[in-house]
Protein backbone atom coordinates (compact mmCIF):
# COMPACT_ATOMS: atom_id res chain seq x y z
CA MET A 1 -74.20 -178.14 71.54
CA ALA A 2 -76.78 -175.44 72.25
CA GLY A 3 -79.53 -177.82 73.27
CA ASP A 4 -77.74 -180.47 75.29
CA GLY A 5 -77.57 -178.37 78.53
CA SER A 6 -73.77 -178.28 78.62
CA GLN A 7 -71.90 -175.02 79.42
CA PRO A 8 -69.26 -173.53 77.12
CA GLU A 9 -65.64 -174.25 78.07
CA GLU A 10 -64.88 -170.52 78.55
CA SER A 11 -67.73 -170.24 81.11
CA LEU A 12 -66.40 -173.24 83.03
CA GLU A 13 -62.87 -171.80 83.08
CA HIS A 14 -64.21 -168.43 84.30
CA GLN A 15 -66.02 -170.12 87.19
CA ALA A 16 -62.91 -172.08 88.08
CA LEU A 17 -60.84 -168.90 88.28
CA LYS A 18 -63.45 -166.91 90.24
CA PRO A 19 -62.24 -166.27 93.81
CA THR A 20 -64.31 -167.75 96.56
CA ALA A 21 -64.96 -166.01 99.87
CA ILE A 22 -63.14 -167.56 102.79
CA LYS A 23 -65.57 -167.95 105.65
CA PRO A 24 -64.13 -167.89 109.16
CA THR A 25 -64.52 -171.19 110.91
CA ARG A 26 -66.08 -171.54 114.32
CA SER A 27 -62.73 -172.58 115.80
CA SER A 28 -60.98 -169.42 114.55
CA LEU A 29 -63.76 -167.24 115.94
CA ASN A 30 -63.58 -169.02 119.28
CA ARG A 31 -59.82 -168.58 119.31
CA ALA A 32 -60.11 -164.84 118.62
CA MET A 33 -62.75 -164.44 121.34
CA GLY A 34 -60.57 -166.38 123.76
CA ILE A 35 -57.58 -164.13 123.08
CA ALA A 36 -59.73 -161.01 123.52
CA LEU A 37 -61.10 -162.31 126.81
CA LEU A 38 -57.59 -163.12 128.04
CA VAL A 39 -56.41 -159.60 127.19
CA LEU A 40 -59.38 -158.04 128.99
CA ALA A 41 -58.89 -160.30 132.00
CA GLY A 42 -55.20 -159.42 132.08
CA LEU A 43 -55.95 -155.69 131.98
CA TRP A 44 -58.59 -156.05 134.68
CA LEU A 45 -56.21 -158.01 136.92
CA THR A 46 -53.37 -155.55 136.29
CA ILE A 47 -55.54 -152.57 137.21
CA VAL A 48 -56.74 -154.34 140.36
CA ILE A 49 -53.13 -155.11 141.37
CA PHE A 50 -52.04 -151.55 140.63
CA ARG A 51 -54.66 -150.31 143.06
CA ILE A 52 -52.65 -151.75 145.97
CA ALA A 53 -49.13 -151.72 144.44
CA ASN A 54 -47.21 -148.79 143.02
CA PRO A 55 -47.45 -149.26 139.24
CA VAL A 56 -44.74 -148.80 136.62
CA GLY A 57 -45.93 -148.74 133.02
CA PRO A 58 -43.91 -149.54 129.89
CA VAL A 59 -43.54 -145.86 128.96
CA THR A 60 -42.34 -144.94 132.43
CA LEU A 61 -40.02 -147.94 132.57
CA ALA A 62 -38.52 -147.20 129.16
CA GLU A 63 -37.88 -143.58 130.12
CA MET A 64 -36.29 -144.67 133.40
CA LEU A 65 -34.01 -147.20 131.70
CA GLY A 66 -33.07 -144.82 128.89
CA GLU A 67 -31.94 -141.95 131.10
CA PRO A 68 -29.52 -142.82 133.92
CA LYS A 69 -29.97 -139.51 135.79
CA ILE A 70 -33.70 -140.06 136.29
CA THR A 71 -34.76 -140.38 139.90
CA ARG A 72 -38.17 -141.43 141.05
CA SER A 73 -39.75 -141.60 144.50
CA TRP A 74 -43.38 -142.58 145.07
CA LEU A 75 -45.30 -140.30 147.42
CA PRO A 76 -48.83 -140.75 148.78
CA LEU A 77 -51.15 -137.90 147.90
CA GLU A 78 -51.08 -136.71 151.52
CA ARG A 79 -47.37 -135.92 151.15
CA ILE A 80 -47.82 -133.79 148.01
CA SER A 81 -48.79 -130.14 148.17
CA SER A 82 -52.56 -129.85 147.70
CA ASP A 83 -51.93 -127.07 145.19
CA LEU A 84 -50.44 -129.56 142.70
CA PRO A 85 -53.50 -131.82 142.20
CA LEU A 86 -55.71 -128.73 142.22
CA ALA A 87 -53.52 -127.04 139.59
CA VAL A 88 -53.61 -130.24 137.49
CA ILE A 89 -57.41 -130.30 137.70
CA ALA A 90 -57.60 -126.62 136.73
CA SER A 91 -55.18 -127.16 133.86
CA GLU A 92 -56.24 -130.50 132.41
CA ASP A 93 -59.43 -131.98 133.86
CA GLY A 94 -61.88 -129.53 135.39
CA ARG A 95 -64.57 -132.18 135.96
CA PHE A 96 -62.18 -134.78 137.38
CA CYS A 97 -64.29 -135.51 140.48
CA ASN A 98 -67.53 -135.78 138.51
CA HIS A 99 -66.86 -137.97 135.47
CA TRP A 100 -66.18 -141.71 135.16
CA GLY A 101 -63.04 -141.56 133.10
CA VAL A 102 -63.98 -139.48 130.05
CA ASP A 103 -65.31 -135.93 129.98
CA TRP A 104 -67.50 -135.94 126.87
CA GLY A 105 -68.38 -132.27 127.38
CA ALA A 106 -64.68 -131.40 127.05
CA VAL A 107 -64.45 -133.65 123.98
CA LYS A 108 -67.28 -131.73 122.29
CA ASP A 109 -65.66 -128.39 123.22
CA ALA A 110 -62.30 -129.53 121.83
CA ILE A 111 -63.91 -130.62 118.56
CA LYS A 112 -65.71 -127.28 118.19
CA GLN A 113 -62.60 -125.24 119.00
CA GLY A 114 -60.44 -127.35 116.70
CA GLY A 115 -62.82 -127.15 113.77
CA GLY A 116 -63.73 -130.84 113.81
CA ILE A 117 -62.18 -134.18 114.61
CA GLY A 118 -59.85 -134.12 111.64
CA VAL A 119 -58.67 -130.53 112.00
CA ARG A 120 -56.47 -129.52 114.93
CA PHE A 121 -58.39 -131.69 117.38
CA ARG A 122 -56.43 -131.42 120.63
CA GLY A 123 -56.97 -131.80 124.32
CA ALA A 124 -59.92 -133.40 126.12
CA SER A 125 -57.64 -135.99 127.75
CA THR A 126 -58.76 -136.55 131.32
CA VAL A 127 -56.44 -137.57 134.15
CA PRO A 128 -57.62 -141.24 133.94
CA MET A 129 -56.95 -141.24 130.19
CA GLN A 130 -53.43 -139.94 130.78
CA VAL A 131 -52.81 -142.55 133.46
CA ALA A 132 -53.95 -145.21 130.97
CA LYS A 133 -51.54 -143.79 128.39
CA ASN A 134 -48.58 -143.74 130.79
CA LEU A 135 -49.28 -147.25 132.13
CA PHE A 136 -50.37 -149.24 129.08
CA LEU A 137 -49.90 -147.29 125.84
CA TRP A 138 -47.34 -145.20 123.96
CA PRO A 139 -46.51 -141.46 124.19
CA GLN A 140 -46.89 -140.54 120.48
CA ARG A 141 -50.19 -138.82 119.75
CA SER A 142 -52.64 -140.64 117.51
CA TYR A 143 -56.37 -141.27 117.21
CA GLN A 144 -55.73 -144.98 117.69
CA ARG A 145 -54.19 -144.28 121.09
CA LYS A 146 -57.10 -141.99 122.03
CA ILE A 147 -59.59 -144.73 121.17
CA LEU A 148 -57.74 -147.22 123.38
CA GLU A 149 -57.52 -144.73 126.24
CA VAL A 150 -61.32 -144.52 126.57
CA PRO A 151 -62.17 -148.08 127.74
CA LEU A 152 -59.04 -148.20 129.91
CA ALA A 153 -60.02 -144.92 131.57
CA TYR A 154 -63.54 -146.22 132.26
CA LEU A 155 -62.23 -149.49 133.68
CA MET A 156 -59.70 -147.70 135.86
CA SER A 157 -62.29 -145.22 137.15
CA ALA A 158 -64.63 -148.10 138.03
CA LEU A 159 -61.94 -149.95 140.03
CA TRP A 160 -59.89 -147.13 141.56
CA PRO A 161 -60.98 -144.32 143.90
CA LYS A 162 -60.32 -140.82 142.55
CA LYS A 163 -57.57 -140.36 145.12
CA VAL A 164 -55.68 -143.39 143.74
CA VAL A 165 -56.09 -142.15 140.15
CA MET A 166 -54.64 -138.72 140.98
CA GLU A 167 -51.88 -140.13 143.18
CA THR A 168 -50.83 -142.52 140.41
CA TYR A 169 -50.85 -139.78 137.79
CA LEU A 170 -48.66 -137.46 139.85
CA ASN A 171 -46.18 -140.26 140.57
CA ILE A 172 -45.76 -141.57 137.00
CA ALA A 173 -46.07 -138.35 134.99
CA PRO A 174 -42.87 -137.33 133.17
CA TRP A 175 -41.39 -133.90 133.83
CA GLY A 176 -38.48 -133.49 131.44
CA PRO A 177 -35.64 -135.78 132.56
CA VAL A 178 -37.42 -136.93 135.72
CA ILE A 179 -40.57 -138.86 136.54
CA GLY A 180 -43.05 -138.15 139.32
CA ALA A 181 -43.94 -135.11 141.42
CA GLU A 182 -41.29 -135.67 144.09
CA ALA A 183 -38.46 -136.04 141.57
CA ALA A 184 -39.71 -132.98 139.65
CA SER A 185 -39.93 -130.89 142.82
CA GLN A 186 -36.39 -131.83 143.79
CA TYR A 187 -35.02 -131.36 140.28
CA TYR A 188 -36.59 -127.99 139.47
CA PHE A 189 -37.11 -126.35 142.89
CA HIS A 190 -34.74 -128.26 145.22
CA LYS A 191 -37.45 -129.15 147.72
CA SER A 192 -39.91 -131.92 148.49
CA ALA A 193 -43.33 -131.97 146.80
CA ILE A 194 -45.01 -131.24 150.13
CA ALA A 195 -43.13 -127.92 150.37
CA LEU A 196 -44.10 -126.55 146.95
CA THR A 197 -45.53 -123.06 146.90
CA ARG A 198 -48.71 -122.44 144.91
CA GLN A 199 -46.79 -120.77 142.08
CA GLU A 200 -44.32 -123.66 141.86
CA ALA A 201 -47.15 -126.21 141.82
CA ILE A 202 -48.88 -124.28 139.06
CA LEU A 203 -45.72 -124.15 136.96
CA LEU A 204 -45.29 -127.92 137.31
CA ALA A 205 -48.89 -128.36 136.10
CA VAL A 206 -48.24 -126.00 133.16
CA ALA A 207 -45.27 -128.13 132.07
CA LEU A 208 -47.22 -131.41 131.94
CA PRO A 209 -48.69 -131.12 128.41
CA ASN A 210 -45.19 -130.72 126.94
CA PRO A 211 -42.68 -131.73 129.62
CA SER A 212 -39.73 -132.21 127.28
CA ILE A 213 -39.83 -128.53 126.26
CA ARG A 214 -41.43 -126.62 129.13
CA ASN A 215 -39.15 -125.89 132.08
CA PRO A 216 -41.03 -125.03 135.32
CA ALA A 217 -37.91 -123.40 136.80
CA LYS A 218 -37.43 -121.16 133.75
CA PRO A 219 -40.96 -120.43 132.50
CA SER A 220 -41.43 -118.77 129.15
CA PRO A 221 -43.84 -115.82 128.75
CA ARG A 222 -46.44 -118.24 127.34
CA MET A 223 -46.06 -120.53 130.36
CA LEU A 224 -46.56 -117.56 132.67
CA ARG A 225 -49.76 -116.58 130.84
CA ILE A 226 -51.08 -120.13 131.19
CA ALA A 227 -50.06 -120.16 134.86
CA LYS A 228 -52.01 -116.98 135.51
CA ALA A 229 -55.13 -118.46 133.91
CA ILE A 230 -54.79 -121.63 136.01
CA GLU A 231 -54.32 -119.62 139.21
CA GLU A 232 -57.55 -117.72 138.49
CA LYS A 233 -59.46 -120.98 137.99
CA MET A 234 -58.17 -122.75 141.10
CA PRO A 235 -60.40 -121.02 143.71
CA ILE A 236 -63.44 -121.71 141.53
CA LEU A 237 -62.61 -125.40 141.10
CA GLU A 238 -61.47 -126.07 144.66
CA PRO A 239 -65.00 -126.77 146.03
CA ARG A 240 -65.53 -129.24 143.14
CA SER A 241 -62.23 -131.02 143.78
CA ALA A 242 -62.97 -132.42 147.23
CA CYS A 243 -62.39 -136.00 146.02
CA VAL A 244 -58.64 -135.34 146.19
CA MET A 245 -58.38 -132.16 148.24
CA LEU A 246 -59.78 -133.49 151.51
CA GLN A 247 -56.75 -135.64 152.27
CA ALA A 248 -54.04 -133.48 150.76
CA GLN A 249 -51.87 -131.07 152.65
CA VAL A 250 -52.14 -127.30 152.30
CA SER A 251 -49.05 -125.59 150.95
CA GLU A 252 -47.65 -122.12 151.37
CA PRO A 253 -49.32 -119.27 149.48
């Protein structure tokens, strides 16, 4: 009836079929926050432990287990040619001693040179970001990985001295079939990392962005061009790299 205040049957059926929004309960929110806090606490504790113990990340461990001929020997920064960390800074992270994990100036430059975030955006990964990738994340490039690298790099830079960050990077970085600066020096140049010449150290740094393809012992013309550019930058960056250069050894010219 139109005047008795009752609703038509079709309207009642429509309301019955209408989906209702599921509101998260307080217990589910508390559970999610608890899990997030546990993850953060675990990362914080792991980074603190890795400051005093030689770390091995999942990527490094998987590469070591998957390739029987890999050798790896941890060296303190003082037993690595000073030209290698300097060449890495000149090649990959020119403001290493001055930023707190992320170089936003380099990020802006990479975006401009690449034509925007979505078009050929490459580079801008600092040494702390690469350490975070090698210790906690996966090697395949993606924006998701880049986003995760940022807070890990900040946390690591807050808890580790710059010397520890660089030492860790050089000891867990992959160079083709081997891992770490000492193994790479022995594999490619048949000498210890402390005995590397400047040119050899530069070629090792050139190989880092694409270690599975670039061979420091047999550099391509493109690698040699990059090496020349790095060598020209090294004297300029050396005064700004004292955070790792003061305690490193000086190699042969």
